[in-house]
Full PDB file with SEQRES, HELIX, SHEET, SSBOND, CRYST1, ORIGX, SCALE, CONECT and MASTER records, all heavy atoms in Angstrom:
SEQRES   1 A   33  ALA ARG LEU VAL GLU THR GLU ARG ARG GLY LYS HIS VAL          
SEQRES   2 A   33  LEU TYR SER LEU ALA GLY ASP ALA GLU VAL VAL ALA LEU          
SEQRES   3 A   33  MET GLN ALA LEU GLY ARG VAL                                  
HELIX    1 AA1 ASP A   20  ARG A   32  1                                  13    
SHEET    1 AA1 2 VAL A   4  ARG A   9  0                                        
SHEET    2 AA1 2 HIS A  12  LEU A  17 -1                                        
CRYST1    1.000    1.000    1.000  90.00  90.00  90.00 P 1           1          
ORIGX1      1.000000  0.000000  0.000000        0.00000                         
ORIGX2      0.000000  1.000000  0.000000        0.00000                         
ORIGX3      0.000000  0.000000  1.000000        0.00000                         
SCALE1      1.000000  0.000000  0.000000        0.00000                         
SCALE2      0.000000  1.000000  0.000000        0.00000                         
SCALE3      0.000000  0.000000  1.000000        0.00000                         
ATOM      1  N   ALA A   1       0.883  -1.235  -0.031  1.00  0.00           N  
ATOM      2  CA  ALA A   1      -0.010  -0.047   0.023  1.00  0.00           C  
ATOM      3  C   ALA A   1       0.814   1.409  -0.057  1.00  0.00           C  
ATOM      4  O   ALA A   1       0.347   2.414   0.029  1.00  0.00           O  
ATOM      5  CB  ALA A   1      -0.965   0.001   1.160  1.00  0.00           C  
ATOM      6  N   ARG A   2       2.213   1.133  -0.072  1.00  0.00           N  
ATOM      7  CA  ARG A   2       3.137   2.146  -0.120  1.00  0.00           C  
ATOM      8  C   ARG A   2       3.116   3.034   1.110  1.00  0.00           C  
ATOM      9  O   ARG A   2       3.396   4.234   1.103  1.00  0.00           O  
ATOM     10  CB  ARG A   2       2.950   3.127  -1.245  1.00  0.00           C  
ATOM     11  CG  ARG A   2       2.952   2.450  -2.651  1.00  0.00           C  
ATOM     12  CD  ARG A   2       4.273   1.886  -3.045  1.00  0.00           C  
ATOM     13  NE  ARG A   2       4.459   1.452  -4.296  1.00  0.00           N  
ATOM     14  CZ  ARG A   2       4.055   0.292  -4.780  1.00  0.00           C  
ATOM     15  NH1 ARG A   2       3.616  -0.707  -3.974  1.00  0.00           N  
ATOM     16  NH2 ARG A   2       4.274  -0.041  -6.063  1.00  0.00           N  
ATOM     17  N   LEU A   3       2.740   2.437   2.263  1.00  0.00           N  
ATOM     18  CA  LEU A   3       2.847   3.040   3.624  1.00  0.00           C  
ATOM     19  C   LEU A   3       4.106   2.941   4.319  1.00  0.00           C  
ATOM     20  O   LEU A   3       4.458   3.790   5.139  1.00  0.00           O  
ATOM     21  CB  LEU A   3       1.632   2.496   4.518  1.00  0.00           C  
ATOM     22  CG  LEU A   3       0.246   2.913   3.982  1.00  0.00           C  
ATOM     23  CD1 LEU A   3      -0.777   2.128   4.895  1.00  0.00           C  
ATOM     24  CD2 LEU A   3      -0.041   4.379   4.142  1.00  0.00           C  
ATOM     25  N   VAL A   4       4.883   1.884   3.867  1.00  0.00           N  
ATOM     26  CA  VAL A   4       6.130   1.618   4.396  1.00  0.00           C  
ATOM     27  C   VAL A   4       7.158   1.366   3.252  1.00  0.00           C  
ATOM     28  O   VAL A   4       6.727   0.989   2.263  1.00  0.00           O  
ATOM     29  CB  VAL A   4       6.248   0.580   5.496  1.00  0.00           C  
ATOM     30  CG1 VAL A   4       5.271   0.967   6.627  1.00  0.00           C  
ATOM     31  CG2 VAL A   4       5.961  -0.757   4.950  1.00  0.00           C  
ATOM     32  N   GLU A   5       8.367   1.495   3.601  1.00  0.00           N  
ATOM     33  CA  GLU A   5       9.470   1.187   2.601  1.00  0.00           C  
ATOM     34  C   GLU A   5      10.721   0.392   3.255  1.00  0.00           C  
ATOM     35  O   GLU A   5      10.722   0.500   4.486  1.00  0.00           O  
ATOM     36  CB  GLU A   5       9.892   2.406   1.845  1.00  0.00           C  
ATOM     37  CG  GLU A   5      10.510   3.522   2.823  1.00  0.00           C  
ATOM     38  CD  GLU A   5      10.661   4.906   1.984  1.00  0.00           C  
ATOM     39  OE1 GLU A   5      10.125   4.870   0.867  1.00  0.00           O  
ATOM     40  OE2 GLU A   5      11.237   5.710   2.534  1.00  0.00           O  
ATOM     41  N   THR A   6      11.411  -0.142   2.518  1.00  0.00           N  
ATOM     42  CA  THR A   6      12.488  -1.002   3.052  1.00  0.00           C  
ATOM     43  C   THR A   6      13.954  -0.436   2.641  1.00  0.00           C  
ATOM     44  O   THR A   6      14.093   0.260   1.569  1.00  0.00           O  
ATOM     45  CB  THR A   6      12.397  -2.420   2.670  1.00  0.00           C  
ATOM     46  OG1 THR A   6      12.556  -2.581   1.295  1.00  0.00           O  
ATOM     47  CG2 THR A   6      11.155  -2.985   3.334  1.00  0.00           C  
ATOM     48  N   GLU A   7      14.884  -0.659   3.426  1.00  0.00           N  
ATOM     49  CA  GLU A   7      16.250  -0.289   3.178  1.00  0.00           C  
ATOM     50  C   GLU A   7      17.231  -1.419   3.648  1.00  0.00           C  
ATOM     51  O   GLU A   7      16.977  -1.808   4.987  1.00  0.00           O  
ATOM     52  CB  GLU A   7      16.706   1.042   3.723  1.00  0.00           C  
ATOM     53  CG  GLU A   7      18.053   1.428   3.635  1.00  0.00           C  
ATOM     54  CD  GLU A   7      18.472   2.671   4.403  1.00  0.00           C  
ATOM     55  OE1 GLU A   7      17.519   3.233   5.028  1.00  0.00           O  
ATOM     56  OE2 GLU A   7      19.633   3.071   4.383  1.00  0.00           O  
ATOM     57  N   ARG A   8      18.095  -1.903   2.971  1.00  0.00           N  
ATOM     58  CA  ARG A   8      19.042  -2.833   3.501  1.00  0.00           C  
ATOM     59  C   ARG A   8      20.263  -2.192   4.100  1.00  0.00           C  
ATOM     60  O   ARG A   8      20.908  -1.376   3.453  1.00  0.00           O  
ATOM     61  CB  ARG A   8      19.433  -3.884   2.476  1.00  0.00           C  
ATOM     62  CG  ARG A   8      20.341  -4.941   2.856  1.00  0.00           C  
ATOM     63  CD  ARG A   8      20.722  -6.050   1.794  1.00  0.00           C  
ATOM     64  NE  ARG A   8      19.491  -6.831   1.655  1.00  0.00           N  
ATOM     65  CZ  ARG A   8      19.219  -7.832   2.408  1.00  0.00           C  
ATOM     66  NH1 ARG A   8      19.940  -8.134   3.484  1.00  0.00           N  
ATOM     67  NH2 ARG A   8      18.062  -8.507   2.126  1.00  0.00           N  
ATOM     68  N   ARG A   9      20.648  -2.544   5.415  1.00  0.00           N  
ATOM     69  CA  ARG A   9      21.727  -2.170   6.049  1.00  0.00           C  
ATOM     70  C   ARG A   9      22.584  -3.299   6.558  1.00  0.00           C  
ATOM     71  O   ARG A   9      22.128  -4.049   7.544  1.00  0.00           O  
ATOM     72  CB  ARG A   9      21.469  -1.235   7.327  1.00  0.00           C  
ATOM     73  CG  ARG A   9      20.681   0.126   6.907  1.00  0.00           C  
ATOM     74  CD  ARG A   9      20.511   1.015   8.057  1.00  0.00           C  
ATOM     75  NE  ARG A   9      19.604   2.149   7.735  1.00  0.00           N  
ATOM     76  CZ  ARG A   9      19.233   2.937   8.623  1.00  0.00           C  
ATOM     77  NH1 ARG A   9      19.591   2.809   9.856  1.00  0.00           N  
ATOM     78  NH2 ARG A   9      18.473   4.037   8.352  1.00  0.00           N  
ATOM     79  N   GLY A  10      23.527  -3.718   5.800  1.00  0.00           N  
ATOM     80  CA  GLY A  10      24.290  -4.837   6.117  1.00  0.00           C  
ATOM     81  C   GLY A  10      23.469  -6.133   5.833  1.00  0.00           C  
ATOM     82  O   GLY A  10      22.897  -6.360   4.843  1.00  0.00           O  
ATOM     83  N   LYS A  11      23.331  -6.944   6.941  1.00  0.00           N  
ATOM     84  CA  LYS A  11      22.476  -8.172   6.848  1.00  0.00           C  
ATOM     85  C   LYS A  11      21.112  -7.973   7.103  1.00  0.00           C  
ATOM     86  O   LYS A  11      20.236  -8.864   6.989  1.00  0.00           O  
ATOM     87  CB  LYS A  11      23.076  -9.214   7.818  1.00  0.00           C  
ATOM     88  CG  LYS A  11      24.538  -9.718   7.380  1.00  0.00           C  
ATOM     89  CD  LYS A  11      25.066 -10.806   8.470  1.00  0.00           C  
ATOM     90  CE  LYS A  11      26.405 -11.256   8.096  1.00  0.00           C  
ATOM     91  NZ  LYS A  11      26.948 -12.146   9.012  1.00  0.00           N  
ATOM     92  N   HIS A  12      20.697  -6.763   7.560  1.00  0.00           N  
ATOM     93  CA  HIS A  12      19.387  -6.517   7.887  1.00  0.00           C  
ATOM     94  C   HIS A  12      18.647  -5.674   6.940  1.00  0.00           C  
ATOM     95  O   HIS A  12      19.047  -4.770   6.267  1.00  0.00           O  
ATOM     96  CB  HIS A  12      19.434  -5.768   9.335  1.00  0.00           C  
ATOM     97  CG  HIS A  12      20.069  -6.455  10.393  1.00  0.00           C  
ATOM     98  ND1 HIS A  12      19.382  -7.538  11.149  1.00  0.00           N  
ATOM     99  CD2 HIS A  12      21.150  -6.472  11.007  1.00  0.00           C  
ATOM    100  CE1 HIS A  12      20.102  -8.038  12.068  1.00  0.00           C  
ATOM    101  NE2 HIS A  12      21.362  -7.443  12.027  1.00  0.00           N  
ATOM    102  N   VAL A  13      17.304  -5.943   6.900  1.00  0.00           N  
ATOM    103  CA  VAL A  13      16.390  -5.052   6.163  1.00  0.00           C  
ATOM    104  C   VAL A  13      15.547  -4.391   7.141  1.00  0.00           C  
ATOM    105  O   VAL A  13      14.889  -4.840   7.997  1.00  0.00           O  
ATOM    106  CB  VAL A  13      15.479  -6.028   5.285  1.00  0.00           C  
ATOM    107  CG1 VAL A  13      14.375  -5.115   4.629  1.00  0.00           C  
ATOM    108  CG2 VAL A  13      16.300  -6.799   4.231  1.00  0.00           C  
ATOM    109  N   LEU A  14      15.629  -3.004   6.926  1.00  0.00           N  
ATOM    110  CA  LEU A  14      14.875  -2.057   7.954  1.00  0.00           C  
ATOM    111  C   LEU A  14      13.705  -1.598   7.116  1.00  0.00           C  
ATOM    112  O   LEU A  14      13.813  -1.058   6.021  1.00  0.00           O  
ATOM    113  CB  LEU A  14      15.948  -1.020   8.378  1.00  0.00           C  
ATOM    114  CG  LEU A  14      17.147  -1.356   9.112  1.00  0.00           C  
ATOM    115  CD1 LEU A  14      17.824  -0.114   9.586  1.00  0.00           C  
ATOM    116  CD2 LEU A  14      16.763  -2.208  10.342  1.00  0.00           C  
ATOM    117  N   TYR A  15      12.623  -1.390   7.991  1.00  0.00           N  
ATOM    118  CA  TYR A  15      11.431  -0.804   7.539  1.00  0.00           C  
ATOM    119  C   TYR A  15      11.247   0.691   7.984  1.00  0.00           C  
ATOM    120  O   TYR A  15      11.694   0.874   9.268  1.00  0.00           O  
ATOM    121  CB  TYR A  15      10.190  -1.615   8.046  1.00  0.00           C  
ATOM    122  CG  TYR A  15       9.894  -2.811   7.083  1.00  0.00           C  
ATOM    123  CD1 TYR A  15      10.667  -4.028   7.399  1.00  0.00           C  
ATOM    124  CD2 TYR A  15       9.080  -2.854   6.085  1.00  0.00           C  
ATOM    125  CE1 TYR A  15      10.422  -5.257   6.620  1.00  0.00           C  
ATOM    126  CE2 TYR A  15       8.800  -4.040   5.427  1.00  0.00           C  
ATOM    127  CZ  TYR A  15       9.555  -5.141   5.592  1.00  0.00           C  
ATOM    128  OH  TYR A  15       9.365  -6.328   4.977  1.00  0.00           O  
ATOM    129  N   SER A  16      10.690   1.512   7.312  1.00  0.00           N  
ATOM    130  CA  SER A  16      10.397   2.895   7.808  1.00  0.00           C  
ATOM    131  C   SER A  16       9.209   3.333   7.178  1.00  0.00           C  
ATOM    132  O   SER A  16       8.760   2.780   6.100  1.00  0.00           O  
ATOM    133  CB  SER A  16      11.540   3.707   7.471  1.00  0.00           C  
ATOM    134  OG  SER A  16      11.874   3.797   6.029  1.00  0.00           O  
ATOM    135  N   LEU A  17       8.635   4.402   7.659  1.00  0.00           N  
ATOM    136  CA  LEU A  17       7.449   5.047   7.062  1.00  0.00           C  
ATOM    137  C   LEU A  17       7.808   5.540   5.639  1.00  0.00           C  
ATOM    138  O   LEU A  17       8.792   6.178   5.489  1.00  0.00           O  
ATOM    139  CB  LEU A  17       6.898   6.146   7.963  1.00  0.00           C  
ATOM    140  CG  LEU A  17       6.274   5.773   9.303  1.00  0.00           C  
ATOM    141  CD1 LEU A  17       5.612   6.949   9.949  1.00  0.00           C  
ATOM    142  CD2 LEU A  17       5.383   4.613   9.161  1.00  0.00           C  
ATOM    143  N   ALA A  18       6.906   5.385   4.659  1.00  0.00           N  
ATOM    144  CA  ALA A  18       6.977   5.911   3.448  1.00  0.00           C  
ATOM    145  C   ALA A  18       6.543   7.412   3.466  1.00  0.00           C  
ATOM    146  O   ALA A  18       5.358   7.598   2.894  1.00  0.00           O  
ATOM    147  CB  ALA A  18       6.498   5.139   2.377  1.00  0.00           C  
ATOM    148  N   GLY A  19       7.288   8.351   3.902  1.00  0.00           N  
ATOM    149  CA  GLY A  19       6.640   9.690   4.042  1.00  0.00           C  
ATOM    150  C   GLY A  19       6.234   9.943   5.433  1.00  0.00           C  
ATOM    151  O   GLY A  19       4.938   9.710   5.716  1.00  0.00           O  
ATOM    152  N   ASP A  20       7.139  10.313   6.390  1.00  0.00           N  
ATOM    153  CA  ASP A  20       6.721  10.295   7.813  1.00  0.00           C  
ATOM    154  C   ASP A  20       5.510  11.311   8.049  1.00  0.00           C  
ATOM    155  O   ASP A  20       4.551  10.970   8.697  1.00  0.00           O  
ATOM    156  CB  ASP A  20       7.956  10.911   8.547  1.00  0.00           C  
ATOM    157  CG  ASP A  20       9.005   9.758   8.762  1.00  0.00           C  
ATOM    158  OD1 ASP A  20       8.994   8.863   8.023  1.00  0.00           O  
ATOM    159  OD2 ASP A  20       9.758   9.950   9.700  1.00  0.00           O  
ATOM    160  N   ALA A  21       5.621  12.523   7.455  1.00  0.00           N  
ATOM    161  CA  ALA A  21       4.616  13.581   7.881  1.00  0.00           C  
ATOM    162  C   ALA A  21       3.194  13.101   7.275  1.00  0.00           C  
ATOM    163  O   ALA A  21       2.188  13.212   8.026  1.00  0.00           O  
ATOM    164  CB  ALA A  21       5.039  14.889   7.158  1.00  0.00           C  
ATOM    165  N   GLU A  22       3.235  12.515   6.078  1.00  0.00           N  
ATOM    166  CA  GLU A  22       1.962  12.213   5.499  1.00  0.00           C  
ATOM    167  C   GLU A  22       1.236  11.003   6.262  1.00  0.00           C  
ATOM    168  O   GLU A  22       0.077  10.987   6.459  1.00  0.00           O  
ATOM    169  CB  GLU A  22       2.116  11.828   4.008  1.00  0.00           C  
ATOM    170  CG  GLU A  22       2.434  13.040   3.118  1.00  0.00           C  
ATOM    171  CD  GLU A  22       3.912  13.348   3.183  1.00  0.00           C  
ATOM    172  OE1 GLU A  22       4.740  12.676   3.770  1.00  0.00           O  
ATOM    173  OE2 GLU A  22       4.182  14.527   2.706  1.00  0.00           O  
ATOM    174  N   VAL A  23       2.034   9.962   6.553  1.00  0.00           N  
ATOM    175  CA  VAL A  23       1.417   8.802   7.290  1.00  0.00           C  
ATOM    176  C   VAL A  23       1.110   9.177   8.629  1.00  0.00           C  
ATOM    177  O   VAL A  23       0.176   8.795   9.154  1.00  0.00           O  
ATOM    178  CB  VAL A  23       2.505   7.618   7.300  1.00  0.00           C  
ATOM    179  CG1 VAL A  23       2.048   6.550   8.056  1.00  0.00           C  
ATOM    180  CG2 VAL A  23       2.793   7.220   5.898  1.00  0.00           C  
ATOM    181  N   VAL A  24       1.942   9.942   9.391  1.00  0.00           N  
ATOM    182  CA  VAL A  24       1.533  10.438  10.726  1.00  0.00           C  
ATOM    183  C   VAL A  24       0.204  11.273  10.688  1.00  0.00           C  
ATOM    184  O   VAL A  24      -0.593  11.107  11.454  1.00  0.00           O  
ATOM    185  CB  VAL A  24       2.720  11.244  11.293  1.00  0.00           C  
ATOM    186  CG1 VAL A  24       2.209  11.945  12.533  1.00  0.00           C  
ATOM    187  CG2 VAL A  24       3.825  10.318  11.656  1.00  0.00           C  
ATOM    188  N   ALA A  25       0.062  12.166   9.652  1.00  0.00           N  
ATOM    189  CA  ALA A  25      -1.215  12.948   9.441  1.00  0.00           C  
ATOM    190  C   ALA A  25      -2.319  12.070   9.178  1.00  0.00           C  
ATOM    191  O   ALA A  25      -3.419  12.327   9.687  1.00  0.00           O  
ATOM    192  CB  ALA A  25      -0.890  13.975   8.421  1.00  0.00           C  
ATOM    193  N   LEU A  26      -2.125  11.045   8.380  1.00  0.00           N  
ATOM    194  CA  LEU A  26      -3.235   9.999   8.161  1.00  0.00           C  
ATOM    195  C   LEU A  26      -3.629   9.362   9.499  1.00  0.00           C  
ATOM    196  O   LEU A  26      -4.867   9.287   9.754  1.00  0.00           O  
ATOM    197  CB  LEU A  26      -2.741   9.031   7.047  1.00  0.00           C  
ATOM    198  CG  LEU A  26      -3.720   7.906   6.701  1.00  0.00           C  
ATOM    199  CD1 LEU A  26      -5.044   8.585   5.975  1.00  0.00           C  
ATOM    200  CD2 LEU A  26      -2.986   7.004   5.757  1.00  0.00           C  
ATOM    201  N   MET A  27      -2.747   9.034  10.298  1.00  0.00           N  
ATOM    202  CA  MET A  27      -3.045   8.339  11.584  1.00  0.00           C  
ATOM    203  C   MET A  27      -3.714   9.288  12.446  1.00  0.00           C  
ATOM    204  O   MET A  27      -4.792   8.986  13.236  1.00  0.00           O  
ATOM    205  CB  MET A  27      -1.701   7.886  12.204  1.00  0.00           C  
ATOM    206  CG  MET A  27      -1.094   6.708  11.449  1.00  0.00           C  
ATOM    207  SD  MET A  27      -1.615   5.089  11.553  1.00  0.00           S  
ATOM    208  CE  MET A  27      -1.201   4.788  13.239  1.00  0.00           C  
ATOM    209  N   GLN A  28      -3.309  10.556  12.472  1.00  0.00           N  
ATOM    210  CA  GLN A  28      -3.979  11.561  13.264  1.00  0.00           C  
ATOM    211  C   GLN A  28      -5.440  11.821  12.858  1.00  0.00           C  
ATOM    212  O   GLN A  28      -6.405  11.878  13.678  1.00  0.00           O  
ATOM    213  CB  GLN A  28      -3.332  12.918  13.171  1.00  0.00           C  
ATOM    214  CG  GLN A  28      -1.883  13.008  13.930  1.00  0.00           C  
ATOM    215  CD  GLN A  28      -1.211  14.390  13.694  1.00  0.00           C  
ATOM    216  OE1 GLN A  28      -0.804  14.696  12.575  1.00  0.00           O  
ATOM    217  NE2 GLN A  28      -1.262  15.149  14.799  1.00  0.00           N  
ATOM    218  N   ALA A  29      -5.737  11.858  11.523  1.00  0.00           N  
ATOM    219  CA  ALA A  29      -7.119  11.985  10.925  1.00  0.00           C  
ATOM    220  C   ALA A  29      -7.902  10.842  11.392  1.00  0.00           C  
ATOM    221  O   ALA A  29      -9.196  11.037  11.797  1.00  0.00           O  
ATOM    222  CB  ALA A  29      -6.990  12.242   9.473  1.00  0.00           C  
ATOM    223  N   LEU A  30      -7.365   9.688  11.278  1.00  0.00           N  
ATOM    224  CA  LEU A  30      -8.084   8.465  11.606  1.00  0.00           C  
ATOM    225  C   LEU A  30      -8.494   8.477  13.165  1.00  0.00           C  
ATOM    226  O   LEU A  30      -9.556   8.159  13.455  1.00  0.00           O  
ATOM    227  CB  LEU A  30      -7.246   7.217  11.399  1.00  0.00           C  
ATOM    228  CG  LEU A  30      -7.829   5.862  11.677  1.00  0.00           C  
ATOM    229  CD1 LEU A  30      -9.219   5.656  10.768  1.00  0.00           C  
ATOM    230  CD2 LEU A  30      -6.838   4.754  11.426  1.00  0.00           C  
ATOM    231  N   GLY A  31      -7.609   9.019  13.972  1.00  0.00           N  
ATOM    232  CA  GLY A  31      -7.849   9.088  15.416  1.00  0.00           C  
ATOM    233  C   GLY A  31      -8.957  10.015  15.786  1.00  0.00           C  
ATOM    234  O   GLY A  31      -9.778   9.769  16.581  1.00  0.00           O  
ATOM    235  N   ARG A  32      -8.884  11.266  15.040  1.00  0.00           N  
ATOM    236  CA  ARG A  32      -9.981  12.236  15.156  1.00  0.00           C  
ATOM    237  C   ARG A  32     -11.320  11.727  14.835  1.00  0.00           C  
ATOM    238  O   ARG A  32     -12.197  12.039  15.632  1.00  0.00           O  
ATOM    239  CB  ARG A  32      -9.626  13.520  14.478  1.00  0.00           C  
ATOM    240  CG  ARG A  32      -8.441  14.285  15.040  1.00  0.00           C  
ATOM    241  CD  ARG A  32      -8.264  15.692  14.457  1.00  0.00           C  
ATOM    242  NE  ARG A  32      -8.041  15.629  13.072  1.00  0.00           N  
ATOM    243  CZ  ARG A  32      -6.838  15.655  12.453  1.00  0.00           C  
ATOM    244  NH1 ARG A  32      -5.784  15.719  13.268  1.00  0.00           N  
ATOM    245  NH2 ARG A  32      -6.685  15.661  11.163  1.00  0.00           N  
ATOM    246  N   VAL A  33     -11.373  11.069  13.736  1.00  0.00           N  
ATOM    247  CA  VAL A  33     -12.726  10.526  13.307  1.00  0.00           C  
ATOM    248  C   VAL A  33     -13.219   9.536  14.353  1.00  0.00           C  
ATOM    249  O   VAL A  33     -14.412   9.431  14.649  1.00  0.00           O  
ATOM    250  CB  VAL A  33     -12.644   9.861  11.891  1.00  0.00           C  
ATOM    251  CG1 VAL A  33     -13.959   9.240  11.535  1.00  0.00           C  
ATOM    252  CG2 VAL A  33     -12.327  11.001  10.843  1.00  0.00           C  
TER     253      VAL A  33                                                      
MASTER        0    0    0    1    2    0    0    6  252    1    0    3          
END                                                                             
C-alpha cells in the first residue's frame, strides 16, 4: 500500500514510514474521526 518502505543495512532489512509527515497525518485524522 506504499505506507512503508525498506532499506538494506548490512545483513538487516529495515522498515520505515514512506513519508513520515503524510503517514503520521493520516493516523492523526483516523484518530480524530
